[in-house]
């Protein structure tokens, strides 16, 4: 095995994929996945692919931000030895990746894809090989009660049982409760994950909990209802609701995860590779497991490329209680071949023999 593998080529292009309908969260909606594709070729001829999926309503990152950081990498990466992927990932972070998590993620994806292809190792095995299977939910984005009801009907028709609902939009808690009641009428037994994307106040959160209890709706998980820095409120939400609470926007580093654990602010950590890259995600998962916190894998508005990497990450590491890897279903086209298989809500990466298996058509 060649112990030194240098970068021969590094290319960055826009990856614009239309959606069937806008993907709405509490902070706004996105009508197109304005992502970035990275290809990294080693001196052995193997090319790895990565995807940056910035989501402005989620954390303010834009396609322009990702392009700027990734294009800068082309000025220094050629000829670099990437056998120690974490060392090169650290260099990328110091060269601007720390300012754009989705760019950091795309770089590390492409790097690991190239390295694991070279070694003939599937990415899920690289991450530990604990499993090759996950069960994903599917999301009902912001919209009217009638639209929510129709979306729930479509999700069940796909054979997906777990439903994630975006809450905390500008129309308030009464509107959310109407939407949730409409969904529950269609899916009376489906586990419901309610995602606020940090868009609710403490008062609104309490009102929503009270309304849910009046409707006899018991969610499987409350995901990041409150602002990212309100960890005290997050802990209180878990206590007075009696339901599981997940931290998402609040956790972008291992230090964040440790603080969540120390304050007993949440019981679940949502790991998204797009927050700060794969190396950081591994650190967060390590802290969470050490502290007895449960894990969730999620993402931004990503194609099958990035979602497959996340599936390999979560299945390979093992121990993930929740999976939210549904965004390829929202895209109106798929410019790639390969990736995970989806049967109903069951994701499998067992067929992947090397790398993440995804490449452009």
Protein backbone atom coordinates (compact mmCIF):
# COMPACT_ATOMS: atom_id res chain seq x y z
CA UNK A 1 0.00 0.00 0.00
CA UNK A 2 1.28 3.45 -0.93
CA UNK A 3 1.65 5.24 2.39
CA UNK A 4 2.05 8.64 0.73
CA UNK A 5 -0.88 9.81 -1.38
CA UNK A 6 -0.73 13.32 -2.75
CA UNK A 7 -3.45 15.51 -4.21
CA UNK A 8 -3.10 15.85 -7.99
CA UNK A 9 -6.25 17.83 -8.75
CA UNK A 10 -8.91 19.72 -6.80
CA UNK A 11 -12.01 21.04 -8.56
CA UNK A 12 -14.95 23.04 -7.21
CA UNK A 13 -18.25 23.63 -9.04
CA UNK A 14 -21.72 24.89 -8.19
CA UNK A 15 -24.31 22.19 -7.55
CA UNK A 16 -27.77 23.71 -8.03
CA UNK A 17 -30.64 21.23 -7.74
CA UNK A 18 -34.30 22.31 -7.85
CA UNK A 19 -36.74 21.09 -5.21
CA UNK A 20 -40.26 19.80 -5.81
CA UNK A 21 -41.50 22.43 -3.33
CA UNK A 22 -39.66 24.93 -1.10
CA UNK A 23 -38.08 23.43 2.03
CA UNK A 24 -39.37 25.61 4.85
CA UNK A 25 -38.08 25.82 8.42
CA UNK A 26 -38.79 28.38 11.15
CA UNK A 27 -36.09 30.72 9.82
CA UNK A 28 -37.26 30.74 6.19
CA UNK A 29 -37.59 28.58 3.08
CA UNK A 30 -35.26 27.38 0.34
CA UNK A 31 -36.62 26.71 -3.18
CA UNK A 32 -33.41 25.20 -4.57
CA UNK A 33 -30.48 23.32 -3.13
CA UNK A 34 -27.67 25.79 -3.84
CA UNK A 35 -24.83 23.44 -2.98
CA UNK A 36 -21.21 22.91 -4.06
CA UNK A 37 -19.55 19.82 -5.55
CA UNK A 38 -15.90 19.04 -4.80
CA UNK A 39 -13.75 16.52 -6.62
CA UNK A 40 -10.33 15.60 -5.24
CA UNK A 41 -8.00 13.39 -7.30
CA UNK A 42 -4.99 11.63 -5.82
CA UNK A 43 -1.74 10.87 -7.59
CA UNK A 44 -2.91 7.25 -7.97
CA UNK A 45 -5.75 8.45 -10.21
CA UNK A 46 -8.57 7.89 -7.71
CA UNK A 47 -11.12 10.71 -7.43
CA UNK A 48 -13.23 11.36 -4.35
CA UNK A 49 -16.36 13.51 -4.26
CA UNK A 50 -17.76 15.78 -1.57
CA UNK A 51 -20.75 18.08 -1.22
CA UNK A 52 -21.23 21.32 0.67
CA UNK A 53 -24.86 22.05 1.52
CA UNK A 54 -25.07 25.51 3.09
CA UNK A 55 -28.55 26.40 4.33
CA UNK A 56 -28.99 30.15 4.98
CA UNK A 57 -32.17 29.84 7.13
CA UNK A 58 -30.36 27.29 9.34
CA UNK A 59 -27.05 28.97 10.16
CA UNK A 60 -26.54 31.78 7.64
CA UNK A 61 -24.04 29.98 5.41
CA UNK A 62 -24.44 30.53 1.68
CA UNK A 63 -23.22 28.92 -1.51
CA UNK A 64 -20.95 31.94 -2.03
CA UNK A 65 -19.36 31.34 1.38
CA UNK A 66 -18.65 27.69 0.58
CA UNK A 67 -17.29 28.50 -2.89
CA UNK A 68 -14.92 31.12 -1.49
CA UNK A 69 -13.38 28.78 1.09
CA UNK A 70 -13.19 25.78 -1.24
CA UNK A 71 -11.74 27.75 -4.15
CA UNK A 72 -9.06 29.08 -1.84
CA UNK A 73 -8.06 25.50 -1.04
CA UNK A 74 -7.09 24.97 -4.68
CA UNK A 75 -4.25 27.48 -4.13
CA UNK A 76 -2.48 25.37 -1.52
CA UNK A 77 -3.64 21.76 -1.62
CA UNK A 78 -2.01 20.44 -4.80
CA UNK A 79 0.87 18.12 -3.91
CA UNK A 80 -0.19 17.80 -0.27
CA UNK A 81 0.10 14.36 1.30
CA UNK A 82 -3.32 13.37 2.61
CA UNK A 83 -2.52 9.96 4.10
CA UNK A 84 -3.23 11.50 7.53
CA UNK A 85 -6.69 12.86 6.66
CA UNK A 86 -7.26 14.54 10.01
CA UNK A 87 -4.04 16.52 9.67
CA UNK A 88 -5.07 17.80 6.24
CA UNK A 89 -8.58 18.53 7.52
CA UNK A 90 -7.01 20.61 10.29
CA UNK A 91 -4.99 22.54 7.74
CA UNK A 92 -8.12 23.21 5.69
CA UNK A 93 -9.85 24.48 8.83
CA UNK A 94 -7.00 26.91 9.50
CA UNK A 95 -7.21 28.09 5.87
CA UNK A 96 -10.84 29.17 6.22
CA UNK A 97 -12.85 26.04 6.90
CA UNK A 98 -13.53 27.24 10.44
CA UNK A 99 -15.70 30.00 8.94
CA UNK A 100 -17.86 27.66 6.82
CA UNK A 101 -18.77 24.25 8.20
CA UNK A 102 -20.37 23.02 4.98
CA UNK A 103 -17.15 23.72 3.06
CA UNK A 104 -15.14 21.89 5.71
CA UNK A 105 -17.53 18.97 5.37
CA UNK A 106 -17.28 18.84 1.57
CA UNK A 107 -13.50 18.84 1.73
CA UNK A 108 -13.39 16.00 4.26
CA UNK A 109 -15.99 13.98 2.32
CA UNK A 110 -13.98 14.14 -0.89
CA UNK A 111 -10.76 13.36 0.95
CA UNK A 112 -12.16 10.32 2.77
CA UNK A 113 -13.90 9.06 -0.36
CA UNK A 114 -10.59 9.13 -2.26
CA UNK A 115 -8.66 7.48 0.56
CA UNK A 116 -11.17 4.71 1.27
CA UNK A 117 -11.58 3.99 -2.45
CA UNK A 118 -7.78 3.67 -2.69
CA UNK A 119 -7.81 1.19 0.18
CA UNK A 120 -10.87 -0.72 -1.10
CA UNK A 121 -12.79 0.01 2.11
CA UNK A 122 -16.46 1.04 2.24
CA UNK A 123 -16.97 4.24 4.17
CA UNK A 124 -19.38 2.57 6.62
CA UNK A 125 -16.63 0.11 7.55
CA UNK A 126 -14.08 2.93 7.87
CA UNK A 127 -16.31 4.51 10.52
CA UNK A 128 -16.43 1.28 12.52
CA UNK A 129 -18.67 -1.18 10.69
CA UNK A 130 -21.15 -1.45 13.55
CA UNK A 131 -24.11 -1.68 11.16
CA UNK A 132 -25.22 -1.03 7.60
CA UNK A 133 -28.84 -0.05 8.27
CA UNK A 134 -30.84 2.93 9.57
CA UNK A 135 -34.48 3.96 9.61
CA UNK A 136 -35.12 7.51 8.46
CA UNK A 137 -38.03 9.80 9.09
CA UNK A 138 -39.44 12.19 6.47
CA UNK A 139 -40.13 15.87 7.06
CA UNK A 140 -43.28 17.94 6.87
CA UNK A 141 -41.93 21.43 6.23
CA UNK A 142 -43.66 24.67 7.20
CA UNK A 143 -47.02 25.18 5.48
CA UNK A 144 -50.77 25.12 6.03
CA UNK A 145 -52.70 22.45 7.98
CA UNK A 146 -54.11 21.16 4.69
CA UNK A 147 -50.60 20.94 3.19
CA UNK A 148 -49.33 19.21 6.34
CA UNK A 149 -52.13 16.66 6.13
CA UNK A 150 -51.36 15.93 2.48
CA UNK A 151 -47.64 15.65 3.23
CA UNK A 152 -48.30 13.15 6.02
CA UNK A 153 -50.47 11.11 3.67
CA UNK A 154 -47.65 11.08 1.09
CA UNK A 155 -45.07 10.04 3.71
CA UNK A 156 -47.14 7.06 4.81
CA UNK A 157 -47.76 6.09 1.17
CA UNK A 158 -43.99 5.89 0.74
CA UNK A 159 -43.82 3.33 3.54
CA UNK A 160 -42.11 5.75 5.95
CA UNK A 161 -43.49 5.63 9.48
CA UNK A 162 -41.54 8.28 11.40
CA UNK A 163 -42.60 11.87 10.66
CA UNK A 164 -40.64 15.02 11.42
CA UNK A 165 -42.58 18.29 11.54
CA UNK A 166 -41.11 21.77 11.36
CA UNK A 167 -42.64 24.05 14.01
CA UNK A 168 -41.98 27.58 15.24
CA UNK A 169 -42.86 29.47 12.09
CA UNK A 170 -44.11 33.10 12.06
CA UNK A 171 -47.81 32.16 12.30
CA UNK A 172 -47.47 31.02 15.91
CA UNK A 173 -48.30 28.08 18.13
CA UNK A 174 -52.04 27.88 17.38
CA UNK A 175 -51.21 27.42 13.72
CA UNK A 176 -48.64 24.74 14.57
CA UNK A 177 -51.18 22.92 16.73
CA UNK A 178 -53.65 22.90 13.82
CA UNK A 179 -50.97 21.42 11.60
CA UNK A 180 -50.00 18.81 14.18
CA UNK A 181 -53.62 17.79 14.76
CA UNK A 182 -54.07 17.40 10.99
CA UNK A 183 -50.99 15.19 10.77
CA UNK A 184 -52.05 13.08 13.74
CA UNK A 185 -55.45 12.49 12.11
CA UNK A 186 -53.66 10.87 9.15
CA UNK A 187 -50.86 9.17 11.10
CA UNK A 188 -52.32 8.19 14.49
CA UNK A 189 -49.44 5.88 15.49
CA UNK A 190 -46.42 7.43 13.77
CA UNK A 191 -43.58 8.67 16.00
CA UNK A 192 -43.47 12.47 15.64
CA UNK A 193 -40.28 14.54 15.85
CA UNK A 194 -41.03 18.25 16.28
CA UNK A 195 -38.20 20.47 15.05
CA UNK A 196 -38.18 24.17 15.96
CA UNK A 197 -34.80 25.11 14.44
CA UNK A 198 -34.23 27.44 17.41
CA UNK A 199 -37.29 29.50 16.45
CA UNK A 200 -39.44 29.36 19.59
CA UNK A 201 -39.35 31.54 22.69
CA UNK A 202 -39.70 29.97 26.12
CA UNK A 203 -43.28 31.23 26.31
CA UNK A 204 -44.18 29.82 22.90
CA UNK A 205 -42.56 26.48 23.79
CA UNK A 206 -44.60 26.20 26.97
CA UNK A 207 -47.81 27.07 25.10
CA UNK A 208 -47.02 24.45 22.44
CA UNK A 209 -46.37 21.76 25.07
CA UNK A 210 -49.67 22.56 26.80
CA UNK A 211 -51.52 22.44 23.48
CA UNK A 212 -49.98 19.11 22.55
CA UNK A 213 -51.01 17.60 25.85
CA UNK A 214 -54.59 18.83 25.35
CA UNK A 215 -54.56 17.13 21.95
CA UNK A 216 -53.15 13.95 23.56
CA UNK A 217 -50.16 14.09 21.21
CA UNK A 218 -46.97 12.70 22.76
CA UNK A 219 -43.97 13.50 20.54
CA UNK A 220 -41.06 11.11 20.24
CA UNK A 221 -38.64 14.05 20.34
CA UNK A 222 -38.52 17.85 20.69
CA UNK A 223 -35.64 19.03 18.52
CA UNK A 224 -34.01 22.41 19.26
CA UNK A 225 -37.11 24.48 19.98
CA UNK A 226 -35.28 27.28 21.78
CA UNK A 227 -32.46 29.64 20.73
CA UNK A 228 -29.09 27.91 20.55
CA UNK A 229 -27.64 29.67 23.60
CA UNK A 230 -30.66 29.09 25.87
CA UNK A 231 -29.40 25.85 27.41
CA UNK A 232 -31.11 26.59 30.72
CA UNK A 233 -34.44 26.89 28.92
CA UNK A 234 -33.72 23.69 27.01
CA UNK A 235 -33.23 21.81 30.26
CA UNK A 236 -36.43 23.26 31.69
CA UNK A 237 -38.33 22.23 28.55
CA UNK A 238 -37.24 18.63 29.02
CA UNK A 239 -38.30 18.69 32.68
CA UNK A 240 -41.75 20.25 32.38
CA UNK A 241 -42.71 18.44 29.17
CA UNK A 242 -41.46 15.04 30.31
CA UNK A 243 -40.38 14.37 26.71
CA UNK A 244 -37.01 13.78 25.08
CA UNK A 245 -35.25 16.95 23.94
CA UNK A 246 -32.57 17.09 21.25
CA UNK A 247 -29.91 19.76 20.83
CA UNK A 248 -29.06 20.64 17.22
CA UNK A 249 -28.02 24.24 16.53
CA UNK A 250 -26.59 24.33 20.08
CA UNK A 251 -23.96 21.68 19.30
CA UNK A 252 -21.25 22.48 16.75
CA UNK A 253 -18.19 21.21 18.66
CA UNK A 254 -17.14 18.68 21.27
CA UNK A 255 -17.06 21.52 23.80
CA UNK A 256 -20.70 22.28 23.03
CA UNK A 257 -21.59 18.62 23.50
CA UNK A 258 -19.78 18.52 26.84
CA UNK A 259 -21.63 21.62 28.01
CA UNK A 260 -24.98 20.06 27.08
CA UNK A 261 -24.04 16.99 29.09
CA UNK A 262 -22.77 18.94 32.10
CA UNK A 263 -25.92 21.08 32.26
CA UNK A 264 -28.25 18.15 31.53
CA UNK A 265 -29.81 20.43 28.92
CA UNK A 266 -30.80 17.65 26.47
CA UNK A 267 -30.95 13.90 26.22
CA UNK A 268 -30.18 13.66 22.48
CA UNK A 269 -27.52 15.26 20.27
CA UNK A 270 -28.28 15.82 16.59
CA UNK A 271 -25.08 15.40 14.61
CA UNK A 272 -24.97 17.04 11.20
CA UNK A 273 -21.76 16.68 9.25
CA UNK A 274 -22.46 20.05 7.59
CA UNK A 275 -22.07 21.91 10.88
CA UNK A 276 -18.30 21.62 11.13
CA UNK A 277 -17.11 18.60 9.16
CA UNK A 278 -16.57 14.91 9.78
CA UNK A 279 -13.62 15.06 12.19
CA UNK A 280 -15.57 17.37 14.50
CA UNK A 281 -18.66 15.14 14.19
CA UNK A 282 -16.59 12.17 15.36
CA UNK A 283 -15.46 14.19 18.38
CA UNK A 284 -19.06 15.17 19.19
CA UNK A 285 -20.22 11.55 18.93
CA UNK A 286 -17.42 10.45 21.25
CA UNK A 287 -18.43 12.96 23.93
CA UNK A 288 -22.11 12.07 23.60
CA UNK A 289 -21.46 8.35 23.96
CA UNK A 290 -19.15 8.90 26.92
CA UNK A 291 -21.81 11.00 28.67
CA UNK A 292 -24.70 8.64 27.92
CA UNK A 293 -26.46 10.98 25.50
CA UNK A 294 -28.44 9.50 22.63
CA UNK A 295 -27.57 10.31 19.04
CA UNK A 296 -29.43 11.55 15.99
CA UNK A 297 -28.05 11.97 12.46
CA UNK A 298 -29.43 14.77 10.31
CA UNK A 299 -28.46 17.17 7.56
CA UNK A 300 -29.26 20.27 5.54
CA UNK A 301 -30.88 20.16 2.08
CA UNK A 302 -28.48 17.58 0.68
CA UNK A 303 -28.32 15.28 -2.32
CA UNK A 304 -27.79 11.53 -2.20
CA UNK A 305 -24.02 12.20 -2.06
CA UNK A 306 -23.85 13.94 1.30
CA UNK A 307 -26.76 11.94 2.73
CA UNK A 308 -24.96 8.68 1.90
CA UNK A 309 -21.87 9.87 3.76
CA UNK A 310 -24.05 10.66 6.77
CA UNK A 311 -25.70 7.23 6.53
CA UNK A 312 -22.28 5.55 6.43
CA UNK A 313 -21.18 7.66 9.40
CA UNK A 314 -24.18 6.80 11.59
CA UNK A 315 -24.49 3.15 10.60
CA UNK A 316 -20.76 2.58 10.86
CA UNK A 317 -20.44 4.20 14.28
CA UNK A 318 -23.66 2.63 15.55
CA UNK A 319 -25.78 3.77 18.47
CA UNK A 320 -27.97 6.30 16.62
CA UNK A 321 -31.55 6.38 17.91
CA UNK A 322 -32.91 8.78 15.27
CA UNK A 323 -32.14 9.38 11.59
CA UNK A 324 -33.32 12.30 9.45
CA UNK A 325 -31.77 11.62 6.04
CA UNK A 326 -34.72 12.36 3.79
CA UNK A 327 -33.74 15.41 1.74
CA UNK A 328 -32.93 13.51 -1.49
CA UNK A 329 -36.69 12.85 -1.63
CA UNK A 330 -37.31 16.61 -1.86
CA UNK A 331 -35.04 17.12 -4.87
CA UNK A 332 -36.60 17.28 -8.33
CA UNK A 333 -33.57 15.63 -9.97
CA UNK A 334 -30.62 13.45 -9.01
CA UNK A 335 -27.36 14.29 -10.82
CA UNK A 336 -25.56 11.30 -9.30
CA UNK A 337 -25.34 7.55 -9.49
CA UNK A 338 -24.78 5.28 -6.49
CA UNK A 339 -25.51 5.91 -2.84
CA UNK A 340 -27.66 4.33 -0.17
CA UNK A 341 -30.77 2.35 -1.00
CA UNK A 342 -34.12 3.30 0.49
CA UNK A 343 -37.02 0.90 0.94
CA UNK A 344 -39.85 2.60 2.78
CA UNK A 345 -37.94 4.24 5.62
CA UNK A 346 -35.17 1.63 5.66
CA UNK A 347 -31.77 2.89 4.54
CA UNK A 348 -29.05 0.40 3.64
CA UNK A 349 -25.38 0.94 2.78
CA UNK A 350 -24.50 -2.77 2.84
CA UNK A 351 -23.95 -2.89 -0.93
CA UNK A 352 -21.25 -0.18 -0.88
CA UNK A 353 -17.85 -1.80 -1.49
CA UNK A 354 -15.47 1.18 -1.44
CA UNK A 355 -15.74 4.85 -0.47
CA UNK A 356 -19.27 6.24 -0.45
CA UNK A 357 -20.03 4.95 -3.98
CA UNK A 358 -21.56 8.21 -5.28
CA UNK A 359 -20.28 9.88 -8.44
CA UNK A 360 -21.67 12.40 -10.97
CA UNK A 361 -23.68 11.09 -13.90
